Amino acid sequence: MRDEMQTFRIKGKKLKNWKTFHSEFKKEMNFPDYYGENMNAWIDCVDELTDKPTLLEIENGKYLKENAPELLNAILECGAFVNYRKIEVGEKPNLIIAADC
């Protein structure tokens, strides 16, 4: 039986800086109240959410790429690291990131 995929949609136009980045992810992905609002905490929270197949859809990715490329790069690089950590411990990588860049 195929695992059901969970989907989270992040609106790229709402990500203006690191403060809005972390608040938007916390809200949309239901990160816990103790979320540390840094990329290490982001990785940990996303890792916990990806025990089953997970699609992270970045809407307005082109806007984000043009206006805050460091935020888009952080999503892509840290998302890849989430998958890498799973592989390191013998688990399946479950995070898929899609963006209209």
Protein backbone atom coordinates (compact mmCIF):
# COMPACT_ATOMS: atom_id res chain seq x y z
CA MET A 1 0.00 0.00 0.00
CA ARG A 2 1.29 3.42 -0.95
CA ASP A 3 1.76 6.00 1.80
CA GLU A 4 -0.48 9.02 1.60
CA MET A 5 1.43 12.22 0.93
CA GLN A 6 1.00 15.24 3.15
CA THR A 7 1.27 18.64 1.46
CA PHE A 8 2.28 22.02 2.83
CA ARG A 9 1.99 25.19 0.74
CA ILE A 10 4.18 28.18 1.48
CA LYS A 11 3.39 31.48 -0.20
CA GLY A 12 6.71 32.80 -1.49
CA LYS A 13 5.45 36.39 -1.58
CA LYS A 14 4.97 36.31 2.19
CA LEU A 15 8.66 35.50 2.77
CA LYS A 16 10.28 38.93 2.88
CA ASN A 17 13.05 38.36 5.43
CA TRP A 18 14.15 35.83 8.03
CA LYS A 19 11.47 36.93 10.51
CA THR A 20 8.62 36.40 8.04
CA PHE A 21 10.30 33.21 6.77
CA HIS A 22 10.23 31.60 10.20
CA SER A 23 6.78 32.87 11.18
CA GLU A 24 5.24 31.67 7.91
CA PHE A 25 6.79 28.20 8.14
CA LYS A 26 5.80 27.91 11.80
CA LYS A 27 2.21 28.78 10.94
CA GLU A 28 1.83 26.75 7.73
CA MET A 29 3.68 23.64 8.89
CA ASN A 30 2.38 23.74 12.46
CA PHE A 31 5.81 23.89 14.08
CA PRO A 32 5.69 23.63 17.88
CA ASP A 33 5.60 26.70 20.11
CA TYR A 34 9.21 26.09 21.15
CA TYR A 35 10.42 26.39 17.51
CA GLY A 36 13.73 28.26 17.74
CA GLU A 37 13.33 30.33 14.54
CA ASN A 38 16.70 29.39 13.06
CA MET A 39 17.66 26.97 10.31
CA ASN A 40 18.82 24.22 12.68
CA ALA A 41 15.40 24.29 14.33
CA TRP A 42 13.76 24.39 10.86
CA ILE A 43 15.66 21.25 9.86
CA ASP A 44 14.66 19.47 13.07
CA CYS A 45 10.97 20.38 12.71
CA VAL A 46 10.81 19.44 9.02
CA ASP A 47 12.64 16.19 9.79
CA GLU A 48 10.01 15.30 12.39
CA LEU A 49 7.20 16.01 9.93
CA THR A 50 8.64 13.87 7.16
CA ASP A 51 8.17 10.42 8.62
CA LYS A 52 5.75 9.96 5.72
CA PRO A 53 6.02 11.37 2.18
CA THR A 54 5.80 15.15 2.32
CA LEU A 55 5.41 17.71 -0.45
CA LEU A 56 6.59 21.22 0.34
CA GLU A 57 5.13 23.43 -2.37
CA ILE A 58 6.59 26.92 -2.66
CA GLU A 59 4.09 29.16 -4.42
CA ASN A 60 5.52 32.20 -6.22
CA GLY A 61 8.98 30.65 -6.22
CA LYS A 62 10.10 32.95 -9.03
CA TYR A 63 9.17 35.98 -6.93
CA LEU A 64 11.13 34.54 -4.02
CA LYS A 65 14.11 33.76 -6.25
CA GLU A 66 14.18 37.36 -7.52
CA ASN A 67 13.49 39.15 -4.23
CA ALA A 68 14.94 36.97 -1.48
CA PRO A 69 17.16 34.32 -3.09
CA GLU A 70 18.88 33.55 0.23
CA LEU A 71 15.53 32.35 1.62
CA LEU A 72 14.86 30.10 -1.37
CA ASN A 73 18.40 28.72 -1.17
CA ALA A 74 17.91 27.99 2.53
CA ILE A 75 14.73 25.99 1.78
CA LEU A 76 16.45 23.97 -0.95
CA GLU A 77 19.73 23.36 0.89
CA CYS A 78 18.17 22.58 4.26
CA GLY A 79 15.47 20.45 2.64
CA ALA A 80 18.20 18.42 0.94
CA PHE A 81 19.90 18.05 4.32
CA VAL A 82 16.66 16.73 5.87
CA ASN A 83 16.65 13.98 3.24
CA TYR A 84 20.38 13.32 3.71
CA ARG A 85 19.93 12.84 7.47
CA LYS A 86 17.26 10.22 6.80
CA ILE A 87 19.53 8.37 4.37
CA GLU A 88 22.38 8.44 6.90
CA VAL A 89 20.29 6.49 9.41
CA GLY A 90 18.91 4.05 6.85
CA GLU A 91 15.50 5.67 6.40
CA LYS A 92 13.76 6.70 3.18
CA PRO A 93 14.09 10.36 2.20
CA ASN A 94 10.53 11.67 2.18
CA LEU A 95 10.75 15.41 1.47
CA ILE A 96 9.84 16.66 -2.00
CA ILE A 97 10.19 20.38 -2.69
CA ALA A 98 8.41 21.94 -5.65
CA ALA A 99 8.66 25.56 -6.73
CA ASP A 100 7.75 27.55 -9.83
CA CYS A 101 11.17 29.12 -10.25
